[in-house]
C-alpha atoms as a PDB file:
ATOM      1  CA  GLU A   1     -12.947  -2.547  15.800  1.00  0.00           C
ATOM      2  CA  ASN A   2     -10.025  -3.631  13.611  1.00  0.00           C
ATOM      3  CA  ILE A   3     -10.321  -0.750  11.150  1.00  0.00           C
ATOM      4  CA  ILE A   4      -8.580   2.573  11.686  1.00  0.00           C
ATOM      5  CA  PHE A   5      -9.635   5.777   9.939  1.00  0.00           C
ATOM      6  CA  TYR A   6      -7.904   9.153   9.944  1.00  0.00           C
ATOM      7  CA  VAL A   7      -9.312  12.157   8.105  1.00  0.00           C
ATOM      8  CA  ALA A   8      -7.796  15.589   7.498  1.00  0.00           C
ATOM      9  CA  PHE A   9      -9.992  18.633   6.967  1.00  0.00           C
ATOM     10  CA  SER A  10      -9.543  22.139   5.663  1.00  0.00           C
ATOM     11  CA  GLY A  11     -12.553  23.862   7.137  1.00  0.00           C
ATOM     12  CA  GLN A  12     -15.468  21.572   6.264  1.00  0.00           C
ATOM     13  CA  GLU A  13     -13.682  19.992   3.283  1.00  0.00           C
ATOM     14  CA  VAL A  14     -12.122  16.525   3.552  1.00  0.00           C
ATOM     15  CA  ILE A  15      -8.659  16.876   2.044  1.00  0.00           C
ATOM     16  CA  ALA A  16      -7.013  13.580   3.004  1.00  0.00           C
ATOM     17  CA  GLY A  17      -7.695  10.219   4.540  1.00  0.00           C
ATOM     18  CA  LEU A  18      -6.031   7.062   5.727  1.00  0.00           C
ATOM     19  CA  THR A  19      -7.613   3.649   6.152  1.00  0.00           C
ATOM     20  CA  ALA A  20      -5.757   0.839   7.895  1.00  0.00           C
ATOM     21  CA  HIS A  21      -6.606  -2.626   9.176  1.00  0.00           C
ATOM     22  CA  ILE A  22      -5.328  -4.345  12.288  1.00  0.00           C
ATOM     23  CA  LEU A  23      -4.399  -7.902  11.329  1.00  0.00           C
ATOM     24  CA  PRO A  24      -3.986 -10.321  14.227  1.00  0.00           C
ATOM     25  CA  TYR A  25      -1.192 -12.860  13.904  1.00  0.00           C
ATOM     26  CA  VAL A  26      -2.106 -16.498  14.261  1.00  0.00           C
ATOM     27  CA  HIS A  27       1.326 -17.628  15.449  1.00  0.00           C
ATOM     28  CA  ARG A  28       2.268 -14.617  17.629  1.00  0.00           C
ATOM     29  CA  MET A  29       0.613 -12.712  20.444  1.00  0.00           C
ATOM     30  CA  ASN A  30       0.605  -9.298  18.786  1.00  0.00           C
ATOM     31  CA  SER A  31      -0.810  -7.917  15.547  1.00  0.00           C
ATOM     32  CA  GLU A  32       0.380  -5.975  12.516  1.00  0.00           C
ATOM     33  CA  VAL A  33      -1.268  -3.106  10.678  1.00  0.00           C
ATOM     34  CA  TYR A  34      -1.877  -2.883   6.935  1.00  0.00           C
ATOM     35  CA  ILE A  35      -2.352   0.552   5.395  1.00  0.00           C
ATOM     36  CA  TYR A  36      -5.079  -0.018   2.844  1.00  0.00           C
ATOM     37  CA  ASP A  37      -5.345   3.533   1.544  1.00  0.00           C
ATOM     38  CA  LEU A  38      -3.652   6.882   2.077  1.00  0.00           C
ATOM     39  CA  ALA A  39      -4.798   9.685  -0.190  1.00  0.00           C
ATOM     40  CA  VAL A  40      -4.355  13.449  -0.195  1.00  0.00           C
ATOM     41  CA  ARG A  41      -6.177  15.712  -2.638  1.00  0.00           C
ATOM     42  CA  SER A  42      -3.698  16.879  -5.263  1.00  0.00           C
ATOM     43  CA  HIS A  43      -3.992  20.555  -4.296  1.00  0.00           C
ATOM     44  CA  TYR A  44      -2.898  19.684  -0.738  1.00  0.00           C
ATOM     45  CA  GLN A  45      -0.072  17.281  -1.561  1.00  0.00           C
ATOM     46  CA  ARG A  46       3.517  18.034  -0.559  1.00  0.00           C
ATOM     47  CA  LYS A  47       2.367  19.975   2.503  1.00  0.00           C
ATOM     48  CA  GLY A  48       3.075  17.278   5.095  1.00  0.00           C
ATOM     49  CA  ILE A  49      -0.531  16.117   5.457  1.00  0.00           C
ATOM     50  CA  GLY A  50       0.098  12.521   4.382  1.00  0.00           C
ATOM     51  CA  ARG A  51       3.142  12.390   6.651  1.00  0.00           C
ATOM     52  CA  LYS A  52       1.055  13.655   9.605  1.00  0.00           C
ATOM     53  CA  LEU A  53      -1.607  11.017   8.978  1.00  0.00           C
ATOM     54  CA  LEU A  54       1.029   8.293   8.782  1.00  0.00           C
ATOM     55  CA  ASN A  55       2.772   9.527  11.938  1.00  0.00           C
ATOM     56  CA  SER A  56      -0.561   9.581  13.786  1.00  0.00           C
ATOM     57  CA  LEU A  57      -1.126   5.974  12.770  1.00  0.00           C
ATOM     58  CA  LYS A  58       2.381   4.978  13.910  1.00  0.00           C
ATOM     59  CA  GLU A  59       1.839   6.606  17.304  1.00  0.00           C
ATOM     60  CA  TYR A  60      -1.544   4.907  17.719  1.00  0.00           C
ATOM     61  CA  CYS A  61      -0.062   1.519  16.804  1.00  0.00           C
ATOM     62  CA  LEU A  62       2.582   1.921  19.489  1.00  0.00           C
ATOM     63  CA  THR A  63      -0.121   2.573  22.111  1.00  0.00           C
ATOM     64  CA  LEU A  64      -1.642  -0.775  21.098  1.00  0.00           C
ATOM     65  CA  GLY A  65       1.718  -2.540  21.347  1.00  0.00           C
ATOM     66  CA  ILE A  66       1.858  -3.012  17.578  1.00  0.00           C
ATOM     67  CA  HIS A  67       5.324  -2.670  16.066  1.00  0.00           C
ATOM     68  CA  ASP A  68       4.747  -3.982  12.524  1.00  0.00           C
ATOM     69  CA  LEU A  69       3.148  -1.765   9.887  1.00  0.00           C
ATOM     70  CA  PHE A  70       3.115  -2.344   6.145  1.00  0.00           C
ATOM     71  CA  VAL A  71       1.727  -0.881   2.934  1.00  0.00           C
ATOM     72  CA  GLN A  72       1.771  -1.859  -0.719  1.00  0.00           C
ATOM     73  CA  ALA A  73       2.647   0.404  -3.632  1.00  0.00           C
ATOM     74  CA  ASN A  74       2.538  -0.284  -7.345  1.00  0.00           C
ATOM     75  CA  SER A  75       6.075  -0.682  -8.658  1.00  0.00           C
ATOM     76  CA  GLU A  76       5.464   1.947 -11.366  1.00  0.00           C
ATOM     77  CA  ASP A  77       4.119   4.552  -8.886  1.00  0.00           C
ATOM     78  CA  GLN A  78       7.440   6.228  -8.074  1.00  0.00           C
ATOM     79  CA  PRO A  79       5.954   9.235  -6.190  1.00  0.00           C
ATOM     80  CA  THR A  80       4.224   6.855  -3.787  1.00  0.00           C
ATOM     81  CA  ILE A  81       7.365   4.749  -3.370  1.00  0.00           C
ATOM     82  CA  ASP A  82       9.376   7.915  -2.721  1.00  0.00           C
ATOM     83  CA  PHE A  83       6.835   9.076  -0.127  1.00  0.00           C
ATOM     84  CA  TYR A  84       6.950   5.853   1.879  1.00  0.00           C
ATOM     85  CA  ALA A  85      10.749   5.703   1.657  1.00  0.00           C
ATOM     86  CA  SER A  86      10.978   9.304   2.908  1.00  0.00           C
ATOM     87  CA  THR A  87       8.828   8.427   5.928  1.00  0.00           C
ATOM     88  CA  GLY A  88      11.096   5.599   7.037  1.00  0.00           C
ATOM     89  CA  GLY A  89       9.522   2.712   5.163  1.00  0.00           C
ATOM     90  CA  LYS A  90      11.873  -0.023   3.983  1.00  0.00           C
ATOM     91  CA  GLN A  91      11.138  -1.576   0.601  1.00  0.00           C
ATOM     92  CA  THR A  92      10.862  -5.373   0.623  1.00  0.00           C
ATOM     93  CA  ASN A  93      10.807  -7.898  -2.184  1.00  0.00           C
ATOM     94  CA  VAL A  94       7.389  -9.477  -1.784  1.00  0.00           C
ATOM     95  CA  VAL A  95       5.412 -10.973  -4.619  1.00  0.00           C
ATOM     96  CA  GLN A  96       1.677 -10.396  -4.456  1.00  0.00           C
ATOM     97  CA  PHE A  97      -0.817 -12.811  -5.954  1.00  0.00           C
ATOM     98  CA  SER A  98      -4.260 -11.573  -6.978  1.00  0.00           C
ATOM     99  CA  TYR A  99      -7.353 -13.599  -7.763  1.00  0.00           C
ATOM    100  CA  LYS A 100     -10.061 -12.310 -10.082  1.00  0.00           C
ATOM    101  CA  LEU A 101     -13.373 -13.796  -8.922  1.00  0.00           C
END
């Protein structure tokens, strides 16, 4: 119930997908959404498909009363950074810590 999936098709072929998670706040009444994955097959990139998936997610979040959405991108992945910046995302200076278990 806290996972959101969007899929784009060309005929019967899956050409793109978005997976996001609704994360409830502990100290506030509302939630935020984390985009876990957004991928478009290379042949279909730069055709607005990723943007449409992201816009669909934004619209859905608003219907839920969610106004905070975030995504991570590797600092060396400039095309991804450019994509999120072009869709209205604002880059923040957050340090991520990972644990190898």
